Amino acid sequence: MDQNAKYRRLLASDFTPVNAVRLRIIEQEGRVLAEVEWPENSLTNKGDYFYATPVPLTLERALDVKNNYGFAEVVVIIDNLELWNDAWGTIA
């Protein structure tokens, strides 16, 4: 995990670019967790990790998909910015 990493914030209703891996931050039973999904492209089929997992592990998975399957960025879907931990990077 790179504390200097920068991620673009989207709202759930926003269009997700076709060249982006989407990380969704949620709160479940008082814990901050995440899920990740990505669209199909020429290198991989559409996929997801749709089970709530601690954010650092989910972020690692999202970056792995981005780096290995030609995606341009990881975007973050988060309604409540108070759930974001600066140790994960910067969200704008």
Protein backbone atom coordinates (compact mmCIF):
# COMPACT_ATOMS: atom_id res chain seq x y z
CA MET A 1 0.00 0.00 0.00
CA ASP A 2 1.33 3.39 -1.01
CA GLN A 3 0.48 6.26 1.31
CA ASN A 4 1.42 8.65 -1.54
CA ALA A 5 -1.01 7.04 -4.00
CA LYS A 6 -3.81 9.22 -5.35
CA TYR A 7 -7.29 7.97 -6.18
CA ARG A 8 -10.23 9.64 -7.84
CA ARG A 9 -13.47 9.63 -5.90
CA LEU A 10 -16.76 8.79 -7.59
CA LEU A 11 -20.24 8.57 -6.15
CA ALA A 12 -22.28 5.40 -6.61
CA SER A 13 -24.43 7.19 -9.21
CA ASP A 14 -21.42 8.37 -11.25
CA PHE A 15 -20.40 6.70 -14.49
CA THR A 16 -17.31 4.53 -14.00
CA PRO A 17 -14.81 4.84 -16.87
CA VAL A 18 -14.39 1.65 -18.88
CA ASN A 19 -10.64 1.71 -18.24
CA ALA A 20 -10.94 1.82 -14.44
CA VAL A 21 -11.03 -0.69 -11.61
CA ARG A 22 -13.71 0.30 -9.10
CA LEU A 23 -13.14 0.02 -5.36
CA ARG A 24 -16.27 0.45 -3.23
CA ILE A 25 -15.74 1.39 0.44
CA ILE A 26 -18.54 0.34 2.79
CA GLU A 27 -19.20 0.21 6.49
CA GLN A 28 -20.53 -3.09 7.77
CA GLU A 29 -21.24 -3.79 11.42
CA GLY A 30 -18.97 -0.92 12.42
CA ARG A 31 -16.05 -2.08 10.24
CA VAL A 32 -14.71 -0.29 7.16
CA LEU A 33 -14.52 -2.82 4.34
CA ALA A 34 -14.30 -2.79 0.56
CA GLU A 35 -15.27 -4.63 -2.61
CA VAL A 36 -13.68 -4.37 -6.05
CA GLU A 37 -14.90 -4.89 -9.61
CA TRP A 38 -13.61 -4.34 -13.13
CA PRO A 39 -15.03 -4.41 -16.65
CA GLU A 40 -14.04 -6.76 -19.43
CA ASN A 41 -11.20 -5.61 -21.66
CA SER A 42 -8.87 -7.22 -24.20
CA LEU A 43 -6.76 -8.80 -21.43
CA THR A 44 -9.38 -10.08 -18.98
CA ASN A 45 -13.02 -10.88 -18.49
CA LYS A 46 -15.27 -8.79 -16.27
CA GLY A 47 -14.66 -9.71 -12.66
CA ASP A 48 -15.14 -8.81 -9.05
CA TYR A 49 -14.33 -9.54 -5.46
CA PHE A 50 -17.83 -8.89 -4.14
CA TYR A 51 -17.30 -9.92 -0.57
CA ALA A 52 -16.54 -7.36 2.06
CA THR A 53 -12.82 -7.50 2.84
CA PRO A 54 -10.50 -5.20 4.84
CA VAL A 55 -9.59 -2.19 2.70
CA PRO A 56 -5.80 -2.76 2.53
CA LEU A 57 -6.28 -6.25 1.06
CA THR A 58 -8.99 -5.10 -1.33
CA LEU A 59 -6.89 -2.14 -2.44
CA GLU A 60 -3.97 -4.50 -3.08
CA ARG A 61 -6.26 -6.67 -5.24
CA ALA A 62 -7.55 -3.63 -7.14
CA LEU A 63 -4.02 -2.43 -7.88
CA ASP A 64 -3.02 -5.93 -8.97
CA VAL A 65 -5.89 -6.02 -11.47
CA LYS A 66 -5.04 -2.50 -12.68
CA ASN A 67 -1.36 -3.26 -13.15
CA ASN A 68 -1.75 -6.70 -14.74
CA TYR A 69 -4.73 -6.15 -17.02
CA GLY A 70 -4.11 -2.75 -18.57
CA PHE A 71 -6.47 -0.53 -16.61
CA ALA A 72 -5.64 3.18 -16.31
CA GLU A 73 -6.72 3.81 -12.73
CA VAL A 74 -8.45 2.67 -9.58
CA VAL A 75 -11.46 4.82 -8.74
CA VAL A 76 -13.02 4.84 -5.29
CA ILE A 77 -16.75 4.81 -4.60
CA ILE A 78 -17.25 6.20 -1.11
CA ASP A 79 -20.22 8.06 0.29
CA ASN A 80 -18.74 9.03 3.64
CA LEU A 81 -15.19 10.39 3.39
CA GLU A 82 -14.74 9.84 7.13
CA LEU A 83 -14.35 6.15 6.31
CA TRP A 84 -11.17 6.85 4.30
CA ASN A 85 -7.84 6.29 6.06
CA ASP A 86 -4.98 8.51 4.87
CA ALA A 87 -2.63 5.53 5.20
CA TRP A 88 -4.32 4.18 2.05
CA GLY A 89 -3.35 7.25 0.00
CA THR A 90 -5.08 10.46 -1.04
CA ILE A 91 -8.58 10.61 -2.39
CA ALA A 92 -9.76 13.53 -4.47
